[in-house]
Amino acid sequence: MIDRIFPAGSPKPRGPYSPAVRAGGFLYVSGQGPIDPATNQFSFGDVQHETRLVLANIKRILEAAGASPSDVVKCAVFLRDVTDFGAMNEVYGEFFGENKPARTTVQAVMPNPAMKVEIDCVAYKPK
């Protein structure tokens, strides 16, 4: 069974996609940008500010699906500028603590040129 998840209080999708999709015991969270869920507007700043906001949005989506950051098995991090890796990594490490998922990090062209970071993830949480 496949469930498409649109959590209340999370940023609204900016295109034809679901914020998250549950397929069996896996939860796939779409790439999240630095969007303030209260205003549904971008909140740009330094990469640490944006990373905190992105990870908070991911956490909100995970929790709405009955999962948590400790259930995340894989992340993909997209950085506008790879020289921001260290600063992003510091916030990322605080967020996941001892529950470090597998990860890929690449430099990428962002859907909004002002964005510094986008992160997606896969979690495993059987119902």
PDB file of N, CA and C in Angstrom:
ATOM      1  N   MET A   1       0.835  -1.171   0.000  1.00  0.00           N
ATOM      2  CA  MET A   1       0.000   0.000   0.000  1.00  0.00           C
ATOM      3  C   MET A   1       0.888   1.246   0.000  1.00  0.00           C
ATOM      4  N   ILE A   2       0.462   2.256  -0.731  1.00  0.00           N
ATOM      5  CA  ILE A   2       1.192   3.513  -0.817  1.00  0.00           C
ATOM      6  C   ILE A   2       0.304   4.627  -0.284  1.00  0.00           C
ATOM      7  N   ASP A   3       0.844   5.410   0.658  1.00  0.00           N
ATOM      8  CA  ASP A   3       0.130   6.555   1.225  1.00  0.00           C
ATOM      9  C   ASP A   3       0.906   7.819   0.896  1.00  0.00           C
ATOM     10  N   ARG A   4       0.206   8.826   0.418  1.00  0.00           N
ATOM     11  CA  ARG A   4       0.804  10.144   0.183  1.00  0.00           C
ATOM     12  C   ARG A   4       0.474  11.010   1.381  1.00  0.00           C
ATOM     13  N   ILE A   5       1.496  11.658   1.936  1.00  0.00           N
ATOM     14  CA  ILE A   5       1.352  12.362   3.209  1.00  0.00           C
ATOM     15  C   ILE A   5       1.505  13.860   2.996  1.00  0.00           C
ATOM     16  N   PHE A   6       0.491  14.608   3.450  1.00  0.00           N
ATOM     17  CA  PHE A   6       0.486  16.072   3.387  1.00  0.00           C
ATOM     18  C   PHE A   6       0.250  16.583   4.812  1.00  0.00           C
ATOM     19  N   PRO A   7       1.302  16.664   5.637  1.00  0.00           N
ATOM     20  CA  PRO A   7       1.130  17.026   7.045  1.00  0.00           C
ATOM     21  C   PRO A   7       0.657  18.468   7.242  1.00  0.00           C
ATOM     22  N   ALA A   8      -0.263  18.643   8.169  1.00  0.00           N
ATOM     23  CA  ALA A   8      -0.681  19.988   8.563  1.00  0.00           C
ATOM     24  C   ALA A   8       0.512  20.685   9.218  1.00  0.00           C
ATOM     25  N   GLY A   9       0.647  21.973   8.967  1.00  0.00           N
ATOM     26  CA  GLY A   9       1.721  22.739   9.595  1.00  0.00           C
ATOM     27  C   GLY A   9       3.062  22.619   8.913  1.00  0.00           C
ATOM     28  N   SER A  10       3.114  21.919   7.789  1.00  0.00           N
ATOM     29  CA  SER A  10       4.362  21.780   7.030  1.00  0.00           C
ATOM     30  C   SER A  10       4.288  22.677   5.799  1.00  0.00           C
ATOM     31  N   PRO A  11       5.439  23.044   5.254  1.00  0.00           N
ATOM     32  CA  PRO A  11       5.419  23.862   4.032  1.00  0.00           C
ATOM     33  C   PRO A  11       4.622  23.172   2.930  1.00  0.00           C
ATOM     34  N   LYS A  12       3.885  23.957   2.188  1.00  0.00           N
ATOM     35  CA  LYS A  12       3.106  23.434   1.067  1.00  0.00           C
ATOM     36  C   LYS A  12       4.038  23.142  -0.101  1.00  0.00           C
ATOM     37  N   PRO A  13       3.818  22.041  -0.808  1.00  0.00           N
ATOM     38  CA  PRO A  13       4.653  21.741  -1.976  1.00  0.00           C
ATOM     39  C   PRO A  13       4.597  22.875  -2.994  1.00  0.00           C
ATOM     40  N   ARG A  14       5.722  23.129  -3.639  1.00  0.00           N
ATOM     41  CA  ARG A  14       5.809  24.165  -4.649  1.00  0.00           C
ATOM     42  C   ARG A  14       5.741  23.574  -6.059  1.00  0.00           C
ATOM     43  N   GLY A  15       5.231  22.373  -6.148  1.00  0.00           N
ATOM     44  CA  GLY A  15       5.126  21.703  -7.433  1.00  0.00           C
ATOM     45  C   GLY A  15       4.260  20.469  -7.297  1.00  0.00           C
ATOM     46  N   PRO A  16       4.204  19.661  -8.352  1.00  0.00           N
ATOM     47  CA  PRO A  16       3.361  18.469  -8.354  1.00  0.00           C
ATOM     48  C   PRO A  16       4.040  17.269  -7.677  1.00  0.00           C
ATOM     49  N   TYR A  17       4.168  17.348  -6.363  1.00  0.00           N
ATOM     50  CA  TYR A  17       4.771  16.252  -5.603  1.00  0.00           C
ATOM     51  C   TYR A  17       4.168  16.207  -4.202  1.00  0.00           C
ATOM     52  N   SER A  18       4.335  15.080  -3.542  1.00  0.00           N
ATOM     53  CA  SER A  18       3.882  14.900  -2.161  1.00  0.00           C
ATOM     54  C   SER A  18       5.042  15.204  -1.225  1.00  0.00           C
ATOM     55  N   PRO A  19       4.776  15.834  -0.070  1.00  0.00           N
ATOM     56  CA  PRO A  19       5.855  16.064   0.892  1.00  0.00           C
ATOM     57  C   PRO A  19       6.500  14.748   1.341  1.00  0.00           C
ATOM     58  N   ALA A  20       5.688  13.705   1.442  1.00  0.00           N
ATOM     59  CA  ALA A  20       6.215  12.390   1.815  1.00  0.00           C
ATOM     60  C   ALA A  20       5.310  11.309   1.251  1.00  0.00           C
ATOM     61  N   VAL A  21       5.909  10.151   1.027  1.00  0.00           N
ATOM     62  CA  VAL A  21       5.166   8.981   0.555  1.00  0.00           C
ATOM     63  C   VAL A  21       5.613   7.780   1.383  1.00  0.00           C
ATOM     64  N   ARG A  22       4.627   7.065   1.933  1.00  0.00           N
ATOM     65  CA  ARG A  22       4.930   5.831   2.661  1.00  0.00           C
ATOM     66  C   ARG A  22       4.657   4.673   1.717  1.00  0.00           C
ATOM     67  N   ALA A  23       5.641   3.794   1.579  1.00  0.00           N
ATOM     68  CA  ALA A  23       5.508   2.578   0.789  1.00  0.00           C
ATOM     69  C   ALA A  23       5.983   1.438   1.677  1.00  0.00           C
ATOM     70  N   GLY A  24       5.056   0.635   2.147  1.00  0.00           N
ATOM     71  CA  GLY A  24       5.412  -0.413   3.093  1.00  0.00           C
ATOM     72  C   GLY A  24       5.959   0.218   4.363  1.00  0.00           C
ATOM     73  N   GLY A  25       7.120  -0.245   4.788  1.00  0.00           N
ATOM     74  CA  GLY A  25       7.751   0.294   5.994  1.00  0.00           C
ATOM     75  C   GLY A  25       8.651   1.482   5.734  1.00  0.00           C
ATOM     76  N   PHE A  26       8.742   1.916   4.487  1.00  0.00           N
ATOM     77  CA  PHE A  26       9.624   3.038   4.144  1.00  0.00           C
ATOM     78  C   PHE A  26       8.841   4.323   3.976  1.00  0.00           C
ATOM     79  N   LEU A  27       9.448   5.404   4.404  1.00  0.00           N
ATOM     80  CA  LEU A  27       8.889   6.733   4.274  1.00  0.00           C
ATOM     81  C   LEU A  27       9.888   7.577   3.490  1.00  0.00           C
ATOM     82  N   TYR A  28       9.459   8.093   2.350  1.00  0.00           N
ATOM     83  CA  TYR A  28      10.305   8.905   1.476  1.00  0.00           C
ATOM     84  C   TYR A  28       9.883  10.361   1.632  1.00  0.00           C
ATOM     85  N   VAL A  29      10.784  11.187   2.152  1.00  0.00           N
ATOM     86  CA  VAL A  29      10.495  12.608   2.353  1.00  0.00           C
ATOM     87  C   VAL A  29      11.120  13.390   1.201  1.00  0.00           C
ATOM     88  N   SER A  30      10.280  14.153   0.505  1.00  0.00           N
ATOM     89  CA  SER A  30      10.758  14.968  -0.616  1.00  0.00           C
ATOM     90  C   SER A  30      11.759  16.010  -0.133  1.00  0.00           C
ATOM     91  N   GLY A  31      12.564  16.490  -1.068  1.00  0.00           N
ATOM     92  CA  GLY A  31      13.543  17.525  -0.757  1.00  0.00           C
ATOM     93  C   GLY A  31      12.882  18.725  -0.113  1.00  0.00           C
ATOM     94  N   GLN A  32      13.451  19.160   1.001  1.00  0.00           N
ATOM     95  CA  GLN A  32      12.930  20.304   1.739  1.00  0.00           C
ATOM     96  C   GLN A  32      13.906  21.463   1.619  1.00  0.00           C
ATOM     97  N   GLY A  33      13.348  22.629   1.361  1.00  0.00           N
ATOM     98  CA  GLY A  33      14.133  23.849   1.308  1.00  0.00           C
ATOM     99  C   GLY A  33      13.881  24.682   2.552  1.00  0.00           C
ATOM    100  N   PRO A  34      14.532  25.833   2.643  1.00  0.00           N
ATOM    101  CA  PRO A  34      14.401  26.684   3.824  1.00  0.00           C
ATOM    102  C   PRO A  34      13.104  27.497   3.794  1.00  0.00           C
ATOM    103  N   ILE A  35      11.997  26.816   4.020  1.00  0.00           N
ATOM    104  CA  ILE A  35      10.691  27.459   3.988  1.00  0.00           C
ATOM    105  C   ILE A  35      10.134  27.512   5.407  1.00  0.00           C
ATOM    106  N   ASP A  36       9.718  28.686   5.823  1.00  0.00           N
ATOM    107  CA  ASP A  36       9.097  28.882   7.128  1.00  0.00           C
ATOM    108  C   ASP A  36       7.667  28.349   7.029  1.00  0.00           C
ATOM    109  N   PRO A  37       7.316  27.305   7.789  1.00  0.00           N
ATOM    110  CA  PRO A  37       5.978  26.729   7.660  1.00  0.00           C
ATOM    111  C   PRO A  37       4.871  27.678   8.110  1.00  0.00           C
ATOM    112  N   ALA A  38       5.186  28.626   8.971  1.00  0.00           N
ATOM    113  CA  ALA A  38       4.158  29.569   9.439  1.00  0.00           C
ATOM    114  C   ALA A  38       3.717  30.519   8.331  1.00  0.00           C
ATOM    115  N   THR A  39       4.649  30.893   7.465  1.00  0.00           N
ATOM    116  CA  THR A  39       4.332  31.845   6.396  1.00  0.00           C
ATOM    117  C   THR A  39       4.296  31.190   5.025  1.00  0.00           C
ATOM    118  N   ASN A  40       4.822  29.971   4.930  1.00  0.00           N
ATOM    119  CA  ASN A  40       4.996  29.252   3.668  1.00  0.00           C
ATOM    120  C   ASN A  40       5.856  30.053   2.677  1.00  0.00           C
ATOM    121  N   GLN A  41       6.785  30.839   3.221  1.00  0.00           N
ATOM    122  CA  GLN A  41       7.705  31.633   2.417  1.00  0.00           C
ATOM    123  C   GLN A  41       9.135  31.196   2.714  1.00  0.00           C
ATOM    124  N   PHE A  42      10.014  31.401   1.754  1.00  0.00           N
ATOM    125  CA  PHE A  42      11.430  31.117   1.984  1.00  0.00           C
ATOM    126  C   PHE A  42      11.957  31.987   3.118  1.00  0.00           C
ATOM    127  N   SER A  43      12.877  31.434   3.890  1.00  0.00           N
ATOM    128  CA  SER A  43      13.577  32.167   4.941  1.00  0.00           C
ATOM    129  C   SER A  43      15.069  31.973   4.683  1.00  0.00           C
ATOM    130  N   PHE A  44      15.639  32.863   3.903  1.00  0.00           N
ATOM    131  CA  PHE A  44      17.042  32.743   3.538  1.00  0.00           C
ATOM    132  C   PHE A  44      17.927  33.314   4.640  1.00  0.00           C
ATOM    133  N   GLY A  45      19.123  32.791   4.716  1.00  0.00           N
ATOM    134  CA  GLY A  45      20.112  33.240   5.692  1.00  0.00           C
ATOM    135  C   GLY A  45      21.390  32.500   5.423  1.00  0.00           C
ATOM    136  N   ASP A  46      22.237  32.390   6.432  1.00  0.00           N
ATOM    137  CA  ASP A  46      23.457  31.615   6.224  1.00  0.00           C
ATOM    138  C   ASP A  46      23.084  30.132   6.155  1.00  0.00           C
ATOM    139  N   VAL A  47      24.028  29.299   5.746  1.00  0.00           N
ATOM    140  CA  VAL A  47      23.717  27.881   5.526  1.00  0.00           C
ATOM    141  C   VAL A  47      23.295  27.189   6.814  1.00  0.00           C
ATOM    142  N   GLN A  48      23.778  27.641   7.966  1.00  0.00           N
ATOM    143  CA  GLN A  48      23.351  27.016   9.214  1.00  0.00           C
ATOM    144  C   GLN A  48      21.886  27.331   9.513  1.00  0.00           C
ATOM    145  N   HIS A  49      21.470  28.565   9.301  1.00  0.00           N
ATOM    146  CA  HIS A  49      20.064  28.930   9.485  1.00  0.00           C
ATOM    147  C   HIS A  49      19.189  28.085   8.562  1.00  0.00           C
ATOM    148  N   GLU A  50      19.569  28.019   7.295  1.00  0.00           N
ATOM    149  CA  GLU A  50      18.766  27.275   6.329  1.00  0.00           C
ATOM    150  C   GLU A  50      18.739  25.782   6.647  1.00  0.00           C
ATOM    151  N   THR A  51      19.870  25.226   7.071  1.00  0.00           N
ATOM    152  CA  THR A  51      19.932  23.801   7.410  1.00  0.00           C
ATOM    153  C   THR A  51      19.032  23.497   8.596  1.00  0.00           C
ATOM    154  N   ARG A  52      19.049  24.354   9.621  1.00  0.00           N
ATOM    155  CA  ARG A  52      18.167  24.147  10.778  1.00  0.00           C
ATOM    156  C   ARG A  52      16.692  24.143  10.361  1.00  0.00           C
ATOM    157  N   LEU A  53      16.336  25.073   9.508  1.00  0.00           N
ATOM    158  CA  LEU A  53      14.952  25.170   9.052  1.00  0.00           C
ATOM    159  C   LEU A  53      14.560  23.954   8.218  1.00  0.00           C
ATOM    160  N   VAL A  54      15.432  23.543   7.315  1.00  0.00           N
ATOM    161  CA  VAL A  54      15.183  22.360   6.479  1.00  0.00           C
ATOM    162  C   VAL A  54      15.003  21.123   7.358  1.00  0.00           C
ATOM    163  N   LEU A  55      15.888  20.924   8.320  1.00  0.00           N
ATOM    164  CA  LEU A  55      15.806  19.738   9.176  1.00  0.00           C
ATOM    165  C   LEU A  55      14.580  19.787  10.084  1.00  0.00           C
ATOM    166  N   ALA A  56      14.181  20.973  10.526  1.00  0.00           N
ATOM    167  CA  ALA A  56      12.956  21.102  11.324  1.00  0.00           C
ATOM    168  C   ALA A  56      11.739  20.725  10.473  1.00  0.00           C
ATOM    169  N   ASN A  57      11.744  21.115   9.205  1.00  0.00           N
ATOM    170  CA  ASN A  57      10.646  20.739   8.312  1.00  0.00           C
ATOM    171  C   ASN A  57      10.619  19.236   8.098  1.00  0.00           C
ATOM    172  N   ILE A  58      11.784  18.638   7.933  1.00  0.00           N
ATOM    173  CA  ILE A  58      11.856  17.182   7.781  1.00  0.00           C
ATOM    174  C   ILE A  58      11.327  16.500   9.039  1.00  0.00           C
ATOM    175  N   LYS A  59      11.742  16.973  10.200  1.00  0.00           N
ATOM    176  CA  LYS A  59      11.282  16.384  11.466  1.00  0.00           C
ATOM    177  C   LYS A  59       9.761  16.469  11.583  1.00  0.00           C
ATOM    178  N   ARG A  60       9.188  17.597  11.222  1.00  0.00           N
ATOM    179  CA  ARG A  60       7.742  17.794  11.277  1.00  0.00           C
ATOM    180  C   ARG A  60       7.027  16.772  10.373  1.00  0.00           C
ATOM    181  N   ILE A  61       7.561  16.564   9.190  1.00  0.00           N
ATOM    182  CA  ILE A  61       6.961  15.603   8.255  1.00  0.00           C
ATOM    183  C   ILE A  61       7.099  14.179   8.788  1.00  0.00           C
ATOM    184  N   LEU A  62       8.276  13.840   9.281  1.00  0.00           N
ATOM    185  CA  LEU A  62       8.493  12.508   9.857  1.00  0.00           C
ATOM    186  C   LEU A  62       7.510  12.244  10.994  1.00  0.00           C
ATOM    187  N   GLU A  63       7.399  13.210  11.901  1.00  0.00           N
ATOM    188  CA  GLU A  63       6.520  13.020  13.059  1.00  0.00           C
ATOM    189  C   GLU A  63       5.059  12.875  12.643  1.00  0.00           C
ATOM    190  N   ALA A  64       4.635  13.604  11.622  1.00  0.00           N
ATOM    191  CA  ALA A  64       3.263  13.482  11.136  1.00  0.00           C
ATOM    192  C   ALA A  64       2.998  12.085  10.578  1.00  0.00           C
ATOM    193  N   ALA A  65       4.055  11.418  10.138  1.00  0.00           N
ATOM    194  CA  ALA A  65       3.933  10.060   9.593  1.00  0.00           C
ATOM    195  C   ALA A  65       4.229   8.996  10.650  1.00  0.00           C
ATOM    196  N   GLY A  66       4.419   9.421  11.905  1.00  0.00           N
ATOM    197  CA  GLY A  66       4.674   8.467  12.978  1.00  0.00           C
ATOM    198  C   GLY A  66       6.117   8.034  13.101  1.00  0.00           C
ATOM    199  N   ALA A  67       7.028   8.782  12.503  1.00  0.00           N
ATOM    200  CA  ALA A  67       8.458   8.449  12.552  1.00  0.00           C
ATOM    201  C   ALA A  67       9.214   9.581  13.249  1.00  0.00           C
ATOM    202  N   SER A  68      10.518   9.424  13.356  1.00  0.00           N
ATOM    203  CA  SER A  68      11.368  10.434  13.982  1.00  0.00           C
ATOM    204  C   SER A  68      12.715  10.455  13.257  1.00  0.00           C
ATOM    205  N   PRO A  69      13.541  11.443  13.541  1.00  0.00           N
ATOM    206  CA  PRO A  69      14.873  11.473  12.911  1.00  0.00           C
ATOM    207  C   PRO A  69      15.691  10.199  13.151  1.00  0.00           C
ATOM    208  N   SER A  70      15.472   9.520  14.254  1.00  0.00           N
ATOM    209  CA  SER A  70      16.233   8.288  14.514  1.00  0.00           C
ATOM    210  C   SER A  70      15.844   7.157  13.567  1.00  0.00           C
ATOM    211  N   ASP A  71      14.726   7.299  12.842  1.00  0.00           N
ATOM    212  CA  ASP A  71      14.286   6.298  11.872  1.00  0.00           C
ATOM    213  C   ASP A  71      14.852   6.541  10.474  1.00  0.00           C
ATOM    214  N   VAL A  72      15.554   7.664  10.285  1.00  0.00           N
ATOM    215  CA  VAL A  72      16.082   8.002   8.964  1.00  0.00           C
ATOM    216  C   VAL A  72      17.264   7.090   8.642  1.00  0.00           C
ATOM    217  N   VAL A  73      17.215   6.475   7.457  1.00  0.00           N
ATOM    218  CA  VAL A  73      18.285   5.567   7.040  1.00  0.00           C
ATOM    219  C   VAL A  73      19.190   6.172   5.975  1.00  0.00           C
ATOM    220  N   LYS A  74      18.703   7.196   5.248  1.00  0.00           N
ATOM    221  CA  LYS A  74      19.488   7.788   4.157  1.00  0.00           C
ATOM    222  C   LYS A  74      19.051   9.221   3.930  1.00  0.00           C
ATOM    223  N   CYS A  75      20.030  10.091   3.734  1.00  0.00           N
ATOM    224  CA  CYS A  75      19.769  11.487   3.359  1.00  0.00           C
ATOM    225  C   CYS A  75      20.569  11.828   2.112  1.00  0.00           C
ATOM    226  N   ALA A  76      20.038  12.757   1.368  1.00  0.00           N
ATOM    227  CA  ALA A  76      20.782  13.384   0.274  1.00  0.00           C
ATOM    228  C   ALA A  76      20.766  14.878   0.563  1.00  0.00           C
ATOM    229  N   VAL A  77      21.964  15.466   0.611  1.00  0.00           N
ATOM    230  CA  VAL A  77      22.119  16.890   0.894  1.00  0.00           C
ATOM    231  C   VAL A  77      22.619  17.556  -0.376  1.00  0.00           C
ATOM    232  N   PHE A  78      21.941  18.618  -0.760  1.00  0.00           N
ATOM    233  CA  PHE A  78      22.304  19.386  -1.948  1.00  0.00           C
ATOM    234  C   PHE A  78      22.711  20.780  -1.495  1.00  0.00           C
ATOM    235  N   LEU A  79      23.944  21.155  -1.783  1.00  0.00           N
ATOM    236  CA  LEU A  79      24.467  22.465  -1.405  1.00  0.00           C
ATOM    237  C   LEU A  79      24.692  23.315  -2.642  1.00  0.00           C
ATOM    238  N   ARG A  80      24.320  24.577  -2.563  1.00  0.00           N
ATOM    239  CA  ARG A  80      24.603  25.494  -3.665  1.00  0.00           C
ATOM    240  C   ARG A  80      26.102  25.696  -3.804  1.00  0.00           C
ATOM    241  N   ASP A  81      26.799  25.751  -2.661  1.00  0.00           N
ATOM    242  CA  ASP A  81      28.240  25.991  -2.644  1.00  0.00           C
ATOM    243  C   ASP A  81      28.890  24.974  -1.714  1.00  0.00           C
ATOM    244  N   VAL A  82      29.709  24.109  -2.251  1.00  0.00           N
ATOM    245  CA  VAL A  82      30.313  23.036  -1.460  1.00  0.00           C
ATOM    246  C   VAL A  82      31.214  23.575  -0.343  1.00  0.00           C
ATOM    247  N   THR A  83      31.637  24.829  -0.430  1.00  0.00           N
ATOM    248  CA  THR A  83      32.438  25.393   0.667  1.00  0.00           C
ATOM    249  C   THR A  83      31.589  25.595   1.927  1.00  0.00           C
ATOM    250  N   ASP A  84      30.266  25.460   1.831  1.00  0.00           N
ATOM    251  CA  ASP A  84      29.387  25.523   3.004  1.00  0.00           C
ATOM    252  C   ASP A  84      29.273  24.171   3.714  1.00  0.00           C
ATOM    253  N   PHE A  85      29.994  23.165   3.232  1.00  0.00           N
ATOM    254  CA  PHE A  85      29.867  21.813   3.778  1.00  0.00           C
ATOM    255  C   PHE A  85      30.108  21.775   5.287  1.00  0.00           C
ATOM    256  N   GLY A  86      31.185  22.368   5.757  1.00  0.00           N
ATOM    257  CA  GLY A  86      31.527  22.301   7.185  1.00  0.00           C
ATOM    258  C   GLY A  86      30.440  22.905   8.065  1.00  0.00           C
ATOM    259  N   ALA A  87      29.942  24.070   7.685  1.00  0.00           N
ATOM    260  CA  ALA A  87      28.902  24.733   8.480  1.00  0.00           C
ATOM    261  C   ALA A  87      27.601  23.930   8.449  1.00  0.00           C
ATOM    262  N   MET A  88      27.221  23.413   7.285  1.00  0.00           N
ATOM    263  CA  MET A  88      26.029  22.570   7.187  1.00  0.00           C
ATOM    264  C   MET A  88      26.211  21.318   8.024  1.00  0.00           C
ATOM    265  N   ASN A  89      27.379  20.708   7.928  1.00  0.00           N
ATOM    266  CA  ASN A  89      27.649  19.451   8.602  1.00  0.00           C
ATOM    267  C   ASN A  89      27.558  19.582  10.125  1.00  0.00           C
ATOM    268  N   GLU A  90      27.942  20.735  10.632  1.00  0.00           N
ATOM    269  CA  GLU A  90      27.854  20.976  12.080  1.00  0.00           C
ATOM    270  C   GLU A  90      26.399  20.900  12.552  1.00  0.00           C
ATOM    271  N   VAL A  91      25.492  21.584  11.861  1.00  0.00           N
ATOM    272  CA  VAL A  91      24.068  21.565  12.215  1.00  0.00           C
ATOM    273  C   VAL A  91      23.488  20.172  11.981  1.00  0.00           C
ATOM    274  N   TYR A  92      23.833  19.559  10.864  1.00  0.00           N
ATOM    275  CA  TYR A  92      23.357  18.220  10.526  1.00  0.00           C
ATOM    276  C   TYR A  92      23.755  17.227  11.626  1.00  0.00           C
ATOM    277  N   GLY A  93      25.001  17.299  12.072  1.00  0.00           N
ATOM    278  CA  GLY A  93      25.487  16.398  13.126  1.00  0.00           C
ATOM    279  C   GLY A  93      24.742  16.592  14.433  1.00  0.00           C
ATOM    280  N   GLU A  94      24.434  17.833  14.785  1.00  0.00           N
ATOM    281  CA  GLU A  94      23.657  18.109  15.999  1.00  0.00           C
ATOM    282  C   GLU A  94      22.267  17.506  15.885  1.00  0.00           C
ATOM    283  N   PHE A  95      21.659  17.626  14.723  1.00  0.00           N
ATOM    284  CA  PHE A  95      20.298  17.147  14.510  1.00  0.00           C
ATOM    285  C   PHE A  95      20.207  15.634  14.655  1.00  0.00           C
ATOM    286  N   PHE A  96      21.112  14.904  14.025  1.00  0.00           N
ATOM    287  CA  PHE A  96      21.026  13.443  14.045  1.00  0.00           C
ATOM    288  C   PHE A  96      21.737  12.808  15.231  1.00  0.00           C
ATOM    289  N   GLY A  97      22.655  13.523  15.876  1.00  0.00           N
ATOM    290  CA  GLY A  97      23.326  12.979  17.058  1.00  0.00           C
ATOM    291  C   GLY A  97      23.957  11.626  16.783  1.00  0.00           C
ATOM    292  N   GLU A  98      23.650  10.659  17.625  1.00  0.00           N
ATOM    293  CA  GLU A  98      24.222   9.312  17.490  1.00  0.00           C
ATOM    294  C   GLU A  98      23.542   8.483  16.402  1.00  0.00           C
ATOM    295  N   ASN A  99      22.387   8.923  15.930  1.00  0.00           N
ATOM    296  CA  ASN A  99      21.611   8.168  14.932  1.00  0.00           C
ATOM    297  C   ASN A  99      21.937   8.658  13.534  1.00  0.00           C
ATOM    298  N   LYS A 100      23.147   8.450  13.110  1.00  0.00           N
ATOM    299  CA  LYS A 100      23.621   8.971  11.826  1.00  0.00           C
ATOM    300  C   LYS A 100      23.163   8.085  10.660  1.00  0.00           C
ATOM    301  N   PRO A 101      22.363   8.651   9.757  1.00  0.00           N
ATOM    302  CA  PRO A 101      21.973   7.873   8.578  1.00  0.00           C
ATOM    303  C   PRO A 101      23.089   7.873   7.538  1.00  0.00           C
ATOM    304  N   ALA A 102      22.961   7.011   6.553  1.00  0.00           N
ATOM    305  CA  ALA A 102      23.844   7.084   5.391  1.00  0.00           C
ATOM    306  C   ALA A 102      23.549   8.419   4.697  1.00  0.00           C
ATOM    307  N   ARG A 103      24.541   8.935   3.956  1.00  0.00           N
ATOM    308  CA  ARG A 103      24.331  10.262   3.365  1.00  0.00           C
ATOM    309  C   ARG A 103      25.161  10.435   2.106  1.00  0.00           C
ATOM    310  N   THR A 104      24.602  11.213   1.189  1.00  0.00           N
ATOM    311  CA  THR A 104      25.306  11.712   0.012  1.00  0.00           C
ATOM    312  C   THR A 104      25.202  13.224   0.066  1.00  0.00           C
ATOM    313  N   THR A 105      26.294  13.924  -0.214  1.00  0.00           N
ATOM    314  CA  THR A 105      26.272  15.388  -0.278  1.00  0.00           C
ATOM    315  C   THR A 105      26.897  15.810  -1.591  1.00  0.00           C
ATOM    316  N   VAL A 106      26.187  16.663  -2.322  1.00  0.00           N
ATOM    317  CA  VAL A 106      26.688  17.140  -3.606  1.00  0.00           C
ATOM    318  C   VAL A 106      26.438  18.640  -3.744  1.00  0.00           C
ATOM    319  N   GLN A 107      27.229  19.268  -4.577  1.00  0.00           N
ATOM    320  CA  GLN A 107      26.968  20.644  -4.967  1.00  0.00           C
ATOM    321  C   GLN A 107      25.965  20.603  -6.100  1.00  0.00           C
ATOM    322  N   ALA A 108      24.973  21.509  -6.054  1.00  0.00           N
ATOM    323  CA  ALA A 108      23.891  21.446  -7.042  1.00  0.00           C
ATOM    324  C   ALA A 108      23.364  22.839  -7.371  1.00  0.00           C
ATOM    325  N   VAL A 109      22.729  22.919  -8.524  1.00  0.00           N
ATOM    326  CA  VAL A 109      21.980  24.122  -8.882  1.00  0.00           C
ATOM    327  C   VAL A 109      20.639  24.005  -8.166  1.00  0.00           C
ATOM    328  N   MET A 110      20.259  25.042  -7.431  1.00  0.00           N
ATOM    329  CA  MET A 110      19.042  25.006  -6.627  1.00  0.00           C
ATOM    330  C   MET A 110      17.818  25.456  -7.437  1.00  0.00           C
ATOM    331  N   PRO A 111      16.640  24.948  -7.061  1.00  0.00           N
ATOM    332  CA  PRO A 111      15.425  25.369  -7.749  1.00  0.00           C
ATOM    333  C   PRO A 111      15.140  26.868  -7.559  1.00  0.00           C
ATOM    334  N   ASN A 112      15.532  27.403  -6.414  1.00  0.00           N
ATOM    335  CA  ASN A 112      15.499  28.849  -6.181  1.00  0.00           C
ATOM    336  C   ASN A 112      16.956  29.264  -6.009  1.00  0.00           C
ATOM    337  N   PRO A 113      17.479  30.139  -6.841  1.00  0.00           N
ATOM    338  CA  PRO A 113      18.905  30.475  -6.809  1.00  0.00           C
ATOM    339  C   PRO A 113      19.413  31.024  -5.478  1.00  0.00           C
ATOM    340  N   ALA A 114      18.502  31.513  -4.611  1.00  0.00           N
ATOM    341  CA  ALA A 114      18.933  32.044  -3.319  1.00  0.00           C
ATOM    342  C   ALA A 114      19.105  30.952  -2.263  1.00  0.00           C
ATOM    343  N   MET A 115      18.553  29.761  -2.509  1.00  0.00           N
ATOM    344  CA  MET A 115      18.672  28.657  -1.549  1.00  0.00           C
ATOM    345  C   MET A 115      20.115  28.207  -1.423  1.00  0.00           C
ATOM    346  N   LYS A 116      20.510  27.886  -0.202  1.00  0.00           N
ATOM    347  CA  LYS A 116      21.844  27.355   0.034  1.00  0.00           C
ATOM    348  C   LYS A 116      21.846  25.838   0.239  1.00  0.00           C
ATOM    349  N   VAL A 117      20.704  25.274   0.658  1.00  0.00           N
ATOM    350  CA  VAL A 117      20.661  23.850   0.979  1.00  0.00           C
ATOM    351  C   VAL A 117      19.260  23.282   0.743  1.00  0.00           C
ATOM    352  N   GLU A 118      19.242  22.039   0.310  1.00  0.00           N
ATOM    353  CA  GLU A 118      18.016  21.237   0.216  1.00  0.00           C
ATOM    354  C   GLU A 118      18.388  19.835   0.671  1.00  0.00           C
ATOM    355  N   ILE A 119      17.489  19.201   1.429  1.00  0.00           N
ATOM    356  CA  ILE A 119      17.760  17.855   1.947  1.00  0.00           C
ATOM    357  C   ILE A 119      16.511  16.997   1.759  1.00  0.00           C
ATOM    358  N   ASP A 120      16.717  15.758   1.288  1.00  0.00           N
ATOM    359  CA  ASP A 120      15.634  14.778   1.294  1.00  0.00           C
ATOM    360  C   ASP A 120      16.094  13.587   2.111  1.00  0.00           C
ATOM    361  N   CYS A 121      15.164  12.695   2.431  1.00  0.00           N
ATOM    362  CA  CYS A 121      15.570  11.526   3.229  1.00  0.00           C
ATOM    363  C   CYS A 121      14.616  10.357   3.029  1.00  0.00           C
ATOM    364  N   VAL A 122      15.088   9.208   3.468  1.00  0.00           N
ATOM    365  CA  VAL A 122      14.298   7.983   3.513  1.00  0.00           C
ATOM    366  C   VAL A 122      14.368   7.468   4.937  1.00  0.00           C
ATOM    367  N   ALA A 123      13.208   7.167   5.498  1.00  0.00           N
ATOM    368  CA  ALA A 123      13.139   6.601   6.849  1.00  0.00           C
ATOM    369  C   ALA A 123      12.511   5.217   6.767  1.00  0.00           C
ATOM    370  N   TYR A 124      12.807   4.392   7.771  1.00  0.00           N
ATOM    371  CA  TYR A 124      12.209   3.072   7.863  1.00  0.00           C
ATOM    372  C   TYR A 124      11.424   3.012   9.167  1.00  0.00           C
ATOM    373  N   LYS A 125      10.115   2.883   9.043  1.00  0.00           N
ATOM    374  CA  LYS A 125       9.250   2.835  10.216  1.00  0.00           C
ATOM    375  C   LYS A 125       7.999   2.052   9.858  1.00  0.00           C
ATOM    376  N   PRO A 126       8.036   0.722  10.051  1.00  0.00           N
ATOM    377  CA  PRO A 126       6.839  -0.062   9.753  1.00  0.00           C
ATOM    378  C   PRO A 126       5.672   0.406  10.605  1.00  0.00           C
ATOM    379  N   LYS A 127       4.490   0.354  10.030  1.00  0.00           N
ATOM    380  CA  LYS A 127       3.270   0.764  10.777  1.00  0.00           C
ATOM    381  C   LYS A 127       2.987  -0.192  11.891  1.00  0.00           C
TER     382      LYS A 127
END
